[in-house]
Amino acid sequence: MPGPNRSYNLQWGSARVDELDFDCMGRLGHIPCELGNYAAYSIRVTGADDVVAGLRFAQEKNIRLSIRNTGHDYNGKSSGLGSLSLWTHHLNTKQIIPRYHSAGYSGPAIKLGAGVVAGEALEFASQNGYQVVTGECGTVGISGGYTQGGGHGPLNGAYGLAADNVLEWEVVTGEGKHVVATPEKNADIYWALSGGGGGTYGVVLSMTAKVHPDGPVTGPILAFHSPAVGNETFWKAIGIFYKHLPDILRGTNNSAQFNTWNNDFSALFVFLDQSPAAVNTTLGPLLAELDSIRMPYTLTVGQTTNFRDYYNSIYGPLPYGLSPPSTSLNSRLIPEWVVVDPNANKKLLDAVRLTTNTGEFHVACTAADLNKTDHSDNAVLPAWRQSIFACNMVVFWNWTAPLSDNLERKNRMVSQYAPAMDAATPGSGVYLNEIDPWYKGDFKQTMYGSNYPRLLNIKHKHDPHHLFYGFHAVGSDEFHIDGSGRLCYGGT
C-alpha cells in the first residue's frame, strides 16, 4: 500500500472515531467525509535527519506522531488522528553482505531499507542465490512491524521467525539519537526491536538479517472435505492432522500452512531438504491414519528449483503477490502439548468447529518447530517457543452487507470464538501483529508475557518524551484517547 495515508485495517481509516468505515458512500448518509484517523501531515523520510527533525517538531508542538511504511497493521499503529506521520516507504535500498561477521554470526546477510516490502526482498535475495524469511503477503514491509513483532512465514521451520534472523537495526530513538543496535552494541534496543512490537522504541531506518543458501523446495498439498464422508469423520480427520504435526515438524526444516472451513480443509507443506519421493515417508503415518477412518483425501506433490519460484506459485505473482482482502481476525498460539493430549486436542477441535460452524469464518494456521534454530536473545513472546502452530480466526469484510452485520461478526469473534480458543490453550498467547483491536484479553500477558516489564523499561529509557504510541503496544496504557479522538499522555 504505497500511499502515505492508506490503512489495511478498515477501523483505522474511519472518518469518525466511533465508526468502522473510512469512506463517504451514500449508504452511510449522515457520516461526514472527514480526514478521520489518518495523519494530518506526512514527512517523506529520506534519512536519519528527516526523522530527527520530525521527532523534534512533534515534541516541541505537542503533536501526535505515527510511523508508517505500507499501513499493514491490524491495530492501527501506523495511523493516528491528526498526527505527523514519518513515512519510511522510500527507504528502499537493498544490499547483500557476502561475509557479515559478528560475535554471534558469520555468514551472508542482507541489509534492507525500512521501505522494502517482502516480495522485493525475496526476489532480490533469490537473484543473489539466497532465501530470506518473509511472510505470505508480498506487500508487507519486512523491516517494520512484521519483523519487529516476530514475523511468521513459510520458512520458519528452517530458520525461525523473522525476528530470530535479525543481526542489526539502524534506528533513531525517541531521544533523537541515530544508532546501530546489535546483540553487542545498544543491546537493549536490539532486544526490544526483535519481537517486542513495532512503532514503540524508535524509528527503524534499515535492518540487517541473515540470508540462507537457496535450493529446491518440495511443496506437498493435502486436502479433504466433509461432503465425502460427513461432518464427524471430517472433524476427526482434522484432529488426526493436529496430532501428527509435531512428528512432521519437530527437529526438521519443515513448515506448514493450513486452512479450515466448516466443510473443507487444506494444508500446504514446505520441505526444504526432502525429495518428492520422501514425502510419503514423512507424511506416511498421518496418511495411514486418515485411511484407517476412511477419509478420502488428495495429495499433490510439486517441486521448484528455488524458494522464489515456490513462493510465486502459491502467493504470487511477485514482486507484490496476492493482495489480501479486507478482514477481521484474531490470533492464538497453539502449544504442542495441546495437540498431543487427546482431551486437549478435542477441546481445541471444538473451538475451531465453533468458529467455522456458520461458514462465515475460517481458521488459518502456520506451523513450525521454533525451538531448533539458533538465534540471539530477543523479545519474541516466549509462548512462541512452546507452540507448534499459530492460528487466526478470519472473516472477510462484506461490502454489500449493512455495517451492523460486519460489526456483529467482529463482536462475535472477540466475545465468543476468541475466548473459546483461549480456553482450549491455557497459558498460551497471541501473535501481536495479528489481533483485532476489539480484543478483550490481557494484552500485556498474551502479547508480551514475561518480557513486558523489561520492554517497558527500555521504552521509558529511549522514548523519554512519550512520542511513540500504538494500540496494544508496550506502554500504551499510559495514554488515553479523549472523546474527540485526541491522544493524551497520562491519566484518563
Protein backbone atom coordinates (compact mmCIF):
# COMPACT_ATOMS: atom_id res chain seq x y z
CA MET A 1 0.00 0.00 0.00
CA PRO A 2 2.25 2.80 -1.26
CA GLY A 3 0.19 5.85 -0.27
CA PRO A 4 1.37 7.80 2.78
CA ASN A 5 -2.06 7.58 4.41
CA ARG A 6 -3.56 4.23 3.41
CA SER A 7 -4.58 1.66 6.01
CA TYR A 8 -5.15 -2.07 5.62
CA ASN A 9 -7.48 -2.43 8.60
CA LEU A 10 -10.70 -0.54 7.94
CA GLN A 11 -11.08 0.64 11.51
CA TRP A 12 -8.03 2.90 11.31
CA GLY A 13 -9.19 4.96 8.33
CA SER A 14 -12.51 5.75 9.98
CA ALA A 15 -13.94 9.18 9.25
CA ARG A 16 -15.16 9.19 12.84
CA VAL A 17 -13.58 7.59 15.86
CA ASP A 18 -16.82 5.75 16.67
CA GLU A 19 -17.44 4.28 13.21
CA LEU A 20 -15.87 1.37 11.37
CA ASP A 21 -15.71 2.61 7.82
CA PHE A 22 -13.47 5.06 6.05
CA ASP A 23 -15.34 6.38 3.03
CA CYS A 24 -18.28 8.60 2.15
CA MET A 25 -20.57 6.13 0.46
CA GLY A 26 -24.18 7.20 0.22
CA ARG A 27 -25.37 4.27 2.28
CA LEU A 28 -23.65 5.85 5.31
CA GLY A 29 -25.68 9.03 4.83
CA HIS A 30 -25.16 11.04 7.99
CA ILE A 31 -21.45 10.27 8.32
CA PRO A 32 -19.34 13.19 7.09
CA CYS A 33 -16.35 12.78 4.81
CA GLU A 34 -13.50 13.86 7.05
CA LEU A 35 -9.82 13.06 7.47
CA GLY A 36 -10.68 10.66 10.28
CA ASN A 37 -7.88 8.64 11.85
CA TYR A 38 -5.42 9.46 9.09
CA ALA A 39 -2.33 11.56 9.71
CA ALA A 40 -2.72 15.28 9.03
CA TYR A 41 0.78 15.62 7.55
CA SER A 42 3.48 13.22 6.39
CA ILE A 43 7.24 13.55 6.16
CA ARG A 44 8.70 11.53 3.31
CA VAL A 45 11.70 10.14 5.18
CA THR A 46 14.94 10.01 3.17
CA GLY A 47 17.33 9.53 6.09
CA ALA A 48 18.01 9.98 9.78
CA ASP A 49 17.95 13.80 9.63
CA ASP A 50 14.32 13.79 8.48
CA VAL A 51 13.36 11.57 11.40
CA VAL A 52 15.24 13.69 13.94
CA ALA A 53 13.56 16.84 12.62
CA GLY A 54 10.14 15.19 12.78
CA LEU A 55 10.66 13.95 16.33
CA ARG A 56 11.83 17.37 17.46
CA PHE A 57 8.88 19.13 15.83
CA ALA A 58 6.34 16.70 17.30
CA GLN A 59 7.83 17.14 20.76
CA GLU A 60 8.02 20.94 20.61
CA LYS A 61 4.48 21.35 19.23
CA ASN A 62 2.92 18.54 21.28
CA ILE A 63 1.73 16.77 18.14
CA ARG A 64 0.86 13.09 17.91
CA LEU A 65 3.42 11.07 15.95
CA SER A 66 2.91 7.98 13.79
CA ILE A 67 5.32 5.78 11.83
CA ARG A 68 4.29 4.01 8.66
CA ASN A 69 5.63 2.20 5.64
CA THR A 70 2.76 0.32 3.96
CA GLY A 71 -0.04 0.52 6.55
CA HIS A 72 -0.42 -3.24 7.12
CA ASP A 73 -1.29 -3.03 10.79
CA TYR A 74 -4.41 -4.55 12.29
CA ASN A 75 -4.00 -2.46 15.43
CA GLY A 76 -3.52 0.84 13.63
CA LYS A 77 -0.04 1.58 14.95
CA SER A 78 0.75 3.28 11.64
CA SER A 79 -2.28 5.60 11.82
CA GLY A 80 -3.27 8.40 14.14
CA LEU A 81 -5.88 11.14 14.08
CA GLY A 82 -4.20 14.50 13.44
CA SER A 83 -0.74 13.01 13.67
CA LEU A 84 2.52 13.83 11.95
CA SER A 85 3.48 10.69 10.04
CA LEU A 86 7.05 9.59 9.40
CA TRP A 87 6.63 7.80 6.07
CA THR A 88 9.54 5.40 5.54
CA HIS A 89 8.35 3.75 2.31
CA HIS A 90 11.06 5.32 0.14
CA LEU A 91 13.94 3.94 2.21
CA ASN A 92 14.23 1.13 -0.31
CA THR A 93 17.92 0.25 -0.52
CA LYS A 94 18.89 -3.43 -0.77
CA GLN A 95 22.37 -4.86 -0.26
CA ILE A 96 23.81 -8.37 0.04
CA ILE A 97 26.69 -8.65 2.51
CA PRO A 98 28.52 -11.86 1.50
CA ARG A 99 30.66 -12.09 4.64
CA TYR A 100 28.95 -10.49 7.61
CA HIS A 101 30.84 -11.13 10.83
CA SER A 102 29.90 -10.59 14.46
CA ALA A 103 30.44 -12.35 17.77
CA GLY A 104 27.35 -14.47 17.22
CA TYR A 105 27.23 -14.98 13.46
CA SER A 106 29.48 -15.26 10.45
CA GLY A 107 27.91 -15.68 7.04
CA PRO A 108 25.86 -13.97 4.34
CA ALA A 109 23.40 -11.22 5.24
CA ILE A 110 21.03 -8.76 3.63
CA LYS A 111 20.62 -5.08 4.51
CA LEU A 112 17.18 -3.69 3.73
CA GLY A 113 15.87 -0.15 3.96
CA ALA A 114 12.72 0.24 6.04
CA GLY A 115 10.60 0.74 2.92
CA VAL A 116 11.44 -2.57 1.23
CA VAL A 117 8.48 -4.94 1.09
CA ALA A 118 8.65 -8.71 1.41
CA GLY A 119 8.25 -9.53 -2.26
CA GLU A 120 11.06 -7.18 -3.23
CA ALA A 121 13.35 -8.62 -0.56
CA LEU A 122 12.55 -12.18 -1.60
CA GLU A 123 13.26 -11.51 -5.28
CA PHE A 124 16.49 -9.63 -4.54
CA ALA A 125 17.72 -12.42 -2.28
CA SER A 126 16.84 -15.05 -4.89
CA GLN A 127 18.69 -13.17 -7.63
CA ASN A 128 21.79 -13.46 -5.45
CA GLY A 129 21.29 -17.14 -4.62
CA TYR A 130 19.70 -16.80 -1.18
CA GLN A 131 16.47 -17.23 0.77
CA VAL A 132 15.19 -14.64 3.26
CA VAL A 133 12.44 -15.07 5.86
CA THR A 134 9.23 -13.26 4.89
CA GLY A 135 5.52 -13.69 5.41
CA GLU A 136 2.92 -14.84 2.91
CA CYS A 137 1.95 -11.30 1.82
CA GLY A 138 4.47 -9.73 -0.55
CA THR A 139 3.32 -6.15 0.09
CA VAL A 140 4.17 -6.12 3.80
CA GLY A 141 7.23 -4.08 4.80
CA ILE A 142 9.78 -6.58 6.05
CA SER A 143 11.72 -4.28 8.42
CA GLY A 144 8.69 -2.78 10.15
CA GLY A 145 6.04 -4.29 12.38
CA TYR A 146 6.34 -7.66 10.63
CA THR A 147 9.83 -8.46 11.91
CA GLN A 148 9.62 -6.18 14.95
CA GLY A 149 6.54 -8.16 16.05
CA GLY A 150 8.03 -11.61 15.40
CA GLY A 151 7.34 -12.45 11.77
CA HIS A 152 5.89 -15.84 10.81
CA GLY A 153 6.01 -17.33 7.33
CA PRO A 154 6.74 -20.41 5.22
CA LEU A 155 10.47 -20.55 6.09
CA ASN A 156 10.04 -20.52 9.87
CA GLY A 157 10.68 -24.25 10.17
CA ALA A 158 14.14 -23.90 8.68
CA TYR A 159 15.27 -20.53 10.03
CA GLY A 160 12.93 -19.43 12.83
CA LEU A 161 10.84 -16.30 12.99
CA ALA A 162 11.93 -13.20 11.08
CA ALA A 163 13.00 -11.61 14.38
CA ASP A 164 15.30 -14.57 15.03
CA ASN A 165 17.25 -13.69 11.88
CA VAL A 166 17.97 -10.03 12.67
CA LEU A 167 21.65 -9.10 13.02
CA GLU A 168 21.33 -5.35 13.48
CA TRP A 169 18.91 -2.45 13.41
CA GLU A 170 19.63 1.09 12.24
CA VAL A 171 17.26 3.24 14.28
CA VAL A 172 16.55 6.74 15.53
CA THR A 173 15.42 6.61 19.16
CA GLY A 174 12.87 8.88 20.79
CA GLU A 175 15.79 10.89 22.13
CA GLY A 176 16.77 11.70 18.55
CA LYS A 177 19.88 9.50 18.59
CA HIS A 178 20.85 7.74 15.36
CA VAL A 179 22.32 4.38 16.37
CA VAL A 180 23.03 0.87 15.16
CA ALA A 181 21.74 -1.79 17.56
CA THR A 182 23.20 -5.31 17.68
CA PRO A 183 23.38 -8.01 20.36
CA GLU A 184 26.72 -6.48 21.40
CA LYS A 185 26.08 -2.74 20.93
CA ASN A 186 22.94 -0.90 22.09
CA ALA A 187 21.82 -4.39 23.01
CA ASP A 188 18.68 -3.30 24.83
CA ILE A 189 17.32 -1.61 21.70
CA TYR A 190 18.25 -4.63 19.58
CA TRP A 191 16.48 -6.96 22.00
CA ALA A 192 13.28 -4.87 22.14
CA LEU A 193 13.03 -4.29 18.40
CA SER A 194 13.49 -8.02 17.71
CA GLY A 195 10.00 -9.17 18.62
CA GLY A 196 8.78 -6.53 21.09
CA GLY A 197 6.49 -4.75 18.64
CA GLY A 198 6.76 -2.03 16.02
CA GLY A 199 6.41 1.73 16.40
CA THR A 200 7.32 1.64 20.08
CA TYR A 201 11.05 2.06 20.76
CA GLY A 202 12.34 4.03 17.78
CA VAL A 203 12.09 4.70 14.06
CA VAL A 204 13.84 1.95 12.10
CA LEU A 205 15.74 3.09 9.01
CA SER A 206 17.18 -0.28 7.99
CA MET A 207 17.55 -3.87 9.11
CA THR A 208 20.35 -6.35 8.50
CA ALA A 209 19.33 -10.01 8.66
CA LYS A 210 20.66 -13.45 7.86
CA VAL A 211 20.11 -14.94 4.43
CA HIS A 212 20.38 -18.62 3.63
CA PRO A 213 21.56 -20.59 0.59
CA ASP A 214 18.79 -21.17 -1.90
CA GLY A 215 17.82 -24.60 -3.15
CA PRO A 216 14.95 -26.89 -4.18
CA VAL A 217 11.62 -26.73 -2.36
CA THR A 218 9.17 -29.62 -2.22
CA GLY A 219 5.61 -28.47 -1.61
CA PRO A 220 3.03 -31.17 -0.86
CA ILE A 221 -0.61 -30.05 -0.69
CA LEU A 222 -3.06 -32.18 1.31
CA ALA A 223 -6.81 -31.56 1.07
CA PHE A 224 -10.07 -33.18 2.14
CA HIS A 225 -13.67 -32.10 2.68
CA SER A 226 -16.75 -33.16 4.60
CA PRO A 227 -19.26 -33.89 1.80
CA ALA A 228 -17.26 -37.02 1.03
CA VAL A 229 -17.76 -38.58 4.47
CA GLY A 230 -19.94 -36.39 6.70
CA ASN A 231 -19.07 -33.92 9.44
CA GLU A 232 -17.97 -36.27 12.22
CA THR A 233 -15.35 -38.09 10.15
CA PHE A 234 -14.22 -34.77 8.66
CA TRP A 235 -13.55 -33.24 12.09
CA LYS A 236 -11.96 -36.44 13.36
CA ALA A 237 -9.55 -36.21 10.41
CA ILE A 238 -8.58 -32.65 11.38
CA GLY A 239 -7.86 -33.80 14.94
CA ILE A 240 -5.63 -36.53 13.50
CA PHE A 241 -3.80 -33.92 11.42
CA TYR A 242 -3.18 -31.83 14.56
CA LYS A 243 -1.86 -34.87 16.42
CA HIS A 244 0.68 -35.76 13.73
CA LEU A 245 2.04 -32.24 13.17
CA PRO A 246 4.72 -32.38 15.90
CA ASP A 247 6.24 -35.54 14.40
CA ILE A 248 6.20 -34.00 10.92
CA LEU A 249 7.83 -30.75 12.06
CA ARG A 250 9.91 -31.39 15.17
CA GLY A 251 13.65 -31.07 14.57
CA THR A 252 13.20 -30.58 10.82
CA ASN A 253 13.25 -27.74 8.31
CA ASN A 254 9.59 -28.38 7.51
CA SER A 255 6.77 -25.84 7.78
CA ALA A 256 3.05 -25.97 7.08
CA GLN A 257 0.20 -23.56 6.46
CA PHE A 258 -3.35 -24.89 6.69
CA ASN A 259 -6.89 -23.56 6.43
CA THR A 260 -10.05 -24.96 7.97
CA TRP A 261 -13.56 -24.05 6.84
CA ASN A 262 -16.79 -25.62 8.07
CA ASN A 263 -16.59 -28.32 5.39
CA ASP A 264 -13.16 -28.03 3.78
CA PHE A 265 -9.53 -28.44 4.86
CA SER A 266 -6.26 -27.89 3.01
CA ALA A 267 -2.62 -27.90 4.10
CA LEU A 268 0.45 -26.61 2.26
CA PHE A 269 3.80 -28.00 3.38
CA VAL A 270 7.25 -26.56 2.76
CA PHE A 271 10.00 -29.21 2.76
CA LEU A 272 13.44 -27.73 2.08
CA ASP A 273 15.56 -30.83 2.38
CA GLN A 274 13.36 -33.63 1.05
CA SER A 275 12.77 -35.01 -2.42
CA PRO A 276 9.23 -35.59 -3.69
CA ALA A 277 9.83 -39.32 -3.22
CA ALA A 278 10.45 -38.80 0.51
CA VAL A 279 7.10 -37.10 1.11
CA ASN A 280 5.21 -40.36 1.60
CA THR A 281 7.70 -41.36 4.29
CA THR A 282 7.34 -38.06 6.14
CA LEU A 283 3.56 -37.94 5.85
CA GLY A 284 3.07 -41.72 5.91
CA PRO A 285 1.78 -42.13 9.50
CA LEU A 286 -0.68 -39.26 9.02
CA LEU A 287 -1.95 -40.62 5.72
CA ALA A 288 -2.25 -44.13 7.15
CA GLU A 289 -4.48 -42.92 9.97
CA LEU A 290 -6.62 -40.92 7.55
CA ASP A 291 -7.00 -44.12 5.54
CA SER A 292 -7.97 -46.02 8.68
CA ILE A 293 -11.02 -43.78 9.24
CA ARG A 294 -11.87 -43.90 5.51
CA MET A 295 -11.21 -40.19 4.98
CA PRO A 296 -10.68 -39.60 1.24
CA TYR A 297 -8.01 -37.00 0.50
CA THR A 298 -5.93 -35.62 -2.31
CA LEU A 299 -2.17 -35.25 -2.06
CA THR A 300 -0.32 -33.38 -4.78
CA VAL A 301 3.45 -33.03 -4.65
CA GLY A 302 5.40 -30.46 -6.61
CA GLN A 303 8.97 -29.24 -6.52
CA THR A 304 10.62 -26.00 -7.58
CA THR A 305 14.32 -25.34 -8.07
CA ASN A 306 14.32 -22.43 -5.61
CA PHE A 307 12.20 -20.81 -2.92
CA ARG A 308 11.31 -17.79 -5.05
CA ASP A 309 9.54 -19.98 -7.60
CA TYR A 310 7.71 -21.90 -4.86
CA TYR A 311 6.55 -18.65 -3.26
CA ASN A 312 5.46 -17.24 -6.61
CA SER A 313 3.39 -20.36 -7.36
CA ILE A 314 1.48 -20.12 -4.07
CA TYR A 315 1.50 -16.45 -3.03
CA GLY A 316 2.41 -14.67 -6.30
CA PRO A 317 2.62 -13.06 -8.70
CA LEU A 318 5.78 -11.42 -7.43
CA PRO A 319 7.12 -8.92 -6.62
CA TYR A 320 3.98 -7.96 -4.71
CA GLY A 321 1.95 -11.14 -4.73
CA LEU A 322 -1.57 -11.57 -3.53
CA SER A 323 -3.46 -8.52 -2.35
CA PRO A 324 -5.10 -9.67 0.90
CA PRO A 325 -8.82 -8.92 1.20
CA SER A 326 -10.21 -6.73 3.95
CA THR A 327 -10.62 -8.94 7.01
CA SER A 328 -11.23 -9.00 10.71
CA LEU A 329 -9.12 -11.54 12.56
CA ASN A 330 -7.89 -12.68 15.94
CA SER A 331 -4.95 -14.99 16.67
CA ARG A 332 -3.93 -17.68 19.13
CA LEU A 333 -0.72 -19.68 19.60
CA ILE A 334 -1.32 -23.43 19.95
CA PRO A 335 1.10 -25.25 22.32
CA GLU A 336 2.42 -28.65 21.27
CA TRP A 337 1.04 -30.34 24.39
CA VAL A 338 -2.49 -29.39 23.35
CA VAL A 339 -2.42 -31.35 20.10
CA VAL A 340 -0.78 -34.49 21.51
CA ASP A 341 -3.10 -34.79 24.53
CA PRO A 342 -6.37 -36.41 23.34
CA ASN A 343 -8.64 -34.41 25.65
CA ALA A 344 -6.94 -31.10 24.91
CA ASN A 345 -6.92 -31.89 21.19
CA LYS A 346 -10.69 -32.43 21.34
CA LYS A 347 -11.23 -29.11 23.14
CA LEU A 348 -9.17 -27.28 20.52
CA LEU A 349 -11.09 -29.02 17.76
CA ASP A 350 -14.39 -27.96 19.37
CA ALA A 351 -13.21 -24.33 19.44
CA VAL A 352 -12.24 -24.42 15.75
CA ARG A 353 -15.54 -26.10 14.92
CA LEU A 354 -17.46 -23.42 16.82
CA THR A 355 -15.61 -20.69 14.94
CA THR A 356 -16.25 -22.14 11.48
CA ASN A 357 -19.73 -23.53 12.10
CA THR A 358 -21.75 -20.82 10.30
CA GLY A 359 -19.50 -20.80 7.23
CA GLU A 360 -18.59 -17.12 7.69
CA PHE A 361 -15.24 -17.65 9.44
CA HIS A 362 -12.31 -19.85 8.63
CA VAL A 363 -9.25 -20.67 10.73
CA ALA A 364 -5.87 -20.10 9.06
CA CYS A 365 -2.76 -21.51 10.73
CA THR A 366 1.01 -21.58 10.24
CA ALA A 367 3.14 -24.31 11.82
CA ALA A 368 6.84 -24.86 12.54
CA ASP A 369 9.22 -26.03 15.25
CA LEU A 370 10.66 -22.75 16.58
CA ASN A 371 12.93 -24.35 19.17
CA LYS A 372 15.52 -25.79 16.81
CA THR A 373 17.06 -22.63 15.31
CA ASP A 374 19.98 -20.71 16.82
CA HIS A 375 19.36 -17.02 17.38
CA SER A 376 20.39 -14.15 19.61
CA ASP A 377 18.31 -13.44 22.68
CA ASN A 378 15.29 -11.37 21.67
CA ALA A 379 11.88 -10.13 22.81
CA VAL A 380 9.76 -12.67 20.92
CA LEU A 381 6.85 -13.77 23.12
CA PRO A 382 8.09 -16.88 24.99
CA ALA A 383 4.85 -18.72 24.18
CA TRP A 384 6.00 -18.94 20.56
CA ARG A 385 8.74 -21.38 21.63
CA GLN A 386 6.22 -23.78 23.17
CA SER A 387 3.81 -23.56 20.23
CA ILE A 388 3.56 -25.93 17.29
CA PHE A 389 1.32 -23.63 15.28
CA ALA A 390 -0.39 -20.23 15.34
CA CYS A 391 -3.98 -19.75 14.20
CA ASN A 392 -6.09 -16.83 13.03
CA MET A 393 -9.87 -16.72 13.19
CA VAL A 394 -10.66 -14.86 9.96
CA VAL A 395 -13.80 -13.29 8.50
CA PHE A 396 -13.87 -11.32 5.25
CA TRP A 397 -15.42 -7.87 5.26
CA ASN A 398 -18.77 -7.95 3.44
CA TRP A 399 -19.05 -4.74 1.44
CA THR A 400 -22.64 -5.45 0.37
CA ALA A 401 -23.94 -6.02 3.92
CA PRO A 402 -25.00 -3.34 6.40
CA LEU A 403 -22.27 -2.01 8.65
CA SER A 404 -24.10 -3.51 11.64
CA ASP A 405 -23.67 -7.02 10.19
CA ASN A 406 -19.91 -6.62 9.92
CA LEU A 407 -19.71 -5.24 13.45
CA GLU A 408 -21.77 -8.15 14.75
CA ARG A 409 -19.30 -10.61 13.24
CA LYS A 410 -16.37 -8.76 14.81
CA ASN A 411 -18.10 -8.77 18.18
CA ARG A 412 -18.92 -12.47 17.89
CA MET A 413 -15.27 -13.19 17.13
CA VAL A 414 -13.87 -11.38 20.17
CA SER A 415 -16.71 -12.32 22.54
CA GLN A 416 -17.29 -15.99 21.64
CA TYR A 417 -14.72 -17.51 19.32
CA ALA A 418 -11.53 -15.99 20.74
CA PRO A 419 -12.44 -16.91 24.35
CA ALA A 420 -13.13 -20.49 23.22
CA MET A 421 -9.68 -20.69 21.60
CA ASP A 422 -8.11 -19.15 24.71
CA ALA A 423 -9.82 -21.70 26.96
CA ALA A 424 -8.55 -24.54 24.76
CA THR A 425 -4.94 -23.29 25.05
CA PRO A 426 -4.47 -22.18 28.68
CA GLY A 427 -1.31 -20.22 29.43
CA SER A 428 -0.51 -19.52 25.79
CA GLY A 429 -0.61 -16.19 23.95
CA VAL A 430 -1.43 -14.39 20.73
CA TYR A 431 0.55 -13.05 17.78
CA LEU A 432 0.74 -9.32 18.47
CA ASN A 433 0.78 -8.48 14.74
CA GLU A 434 -2.48 -10.30 14.08
CA ILE A 435 -5.00 -9.33 16.70
CA ASP A 436 -8.31 -7.49 16.50
CA PRO A 437 -8.43 -4.01 18.08
CA TRP A 438 -11.52 -5.13 20.00
CA TYR A 439 -9.52 -7.94 21.61
CA LYS A 440 -10.71 -8.44 25.20
CA GLY A 441 -7.74 -10.30 26.69
CA ASP A 442 -4.86 -9.03 28.84
CA PHE A 443 -2.64 -7.63 26.10
CA LYS A 444 0.43 -7.36 28.35
CA GLN A 445 0.39 -11.05 29.22
CA THR A 446 -0.83 -12.56 25.95
CA MET A 447 1.23 -10.39 23.54
CA TYR A 448 4.44 -9.86 25.56
CA GLY A 449 4.34 -12.23 28.54
CA SER A 450 7.26 -12.14 30.94
CA ASN A 451 9.11 -9.74 28.61
CA TYR A 452 6.72 -6.87 29.35
CA PRO A 453 8.46 -5.24 32.36
CA ARG A 454 11.83 -5.21 30.59
CA LEU A 455 10.27 -3.87 27.39
CA LEU A 456 8.55 -1.09 29.32
CA ASN A 457 11.83 -0.06 30.95
CA ILE A 458 13.50 0.08 27.53
CA LYS A 459 10.66 2.17 26.13
CA HIS A 460 10.87 4.64 29.01
CA LYS A 461 14.64 4.90 28.58
CA HIS A 462 14.66 5.53 24.83
CA ASP A 463 11.33 7.36 24.48
CA PRO A 464 11.54 9.82 27.39
CA HIS A 465 9.22 12.33 25.68
CA HIS A 466 6.45 9.75 25.12
CA LEU A 467 6.40 10.19 21.35
CA PHE A 468 5.69 6.60 20.30
CA TYR A 469 2.20 5.19 20.77
CA GLY A 470 0.39 2.24 19.29
CA PHE A 471 -2.78 0.42 20.22
CA HIS A 472 -1.81 -2.64 22.32
CA ALA A 473 1.85 -1.53 22.18
CA VAL A 474 4.12 -1.59 25.22
CA GLY A 475 3.28 1.42 27.38
CA SER A 476 0.03 2.12 25.53
CA ASP A 477 -2.00 2.05 28.75
CA GLU A 478 -0.13 5.20 29.84
CA PHE A 479 -2.07 7.09 27.15
CA HIS A 480 -5.75 7.66 26.54
CA ILE A 481 -7.83 8.95 23.63
CA ASP A 482 -10.39 11.61 24.51
CA GLY A 483 -13.88 11.98 23.07
CA SER A 484 -12.65 13.95 20.07
CA GLY A 485 -10.05 11.33 19.19
CA ARG A 486 -7.08 13.30 20.52
CA LEU A 487 -4.26 11.22 22.01
CA CYS A 488 -3.30 12.29 25.53
CA TYR A 489 -0.49 11.10 27.78
CA GLY A 490 -1.36 10.49 31.42
CA GLY A 491 -4.49 9.60 33.33
CA THR A 492 -7.98 9.34 31.91
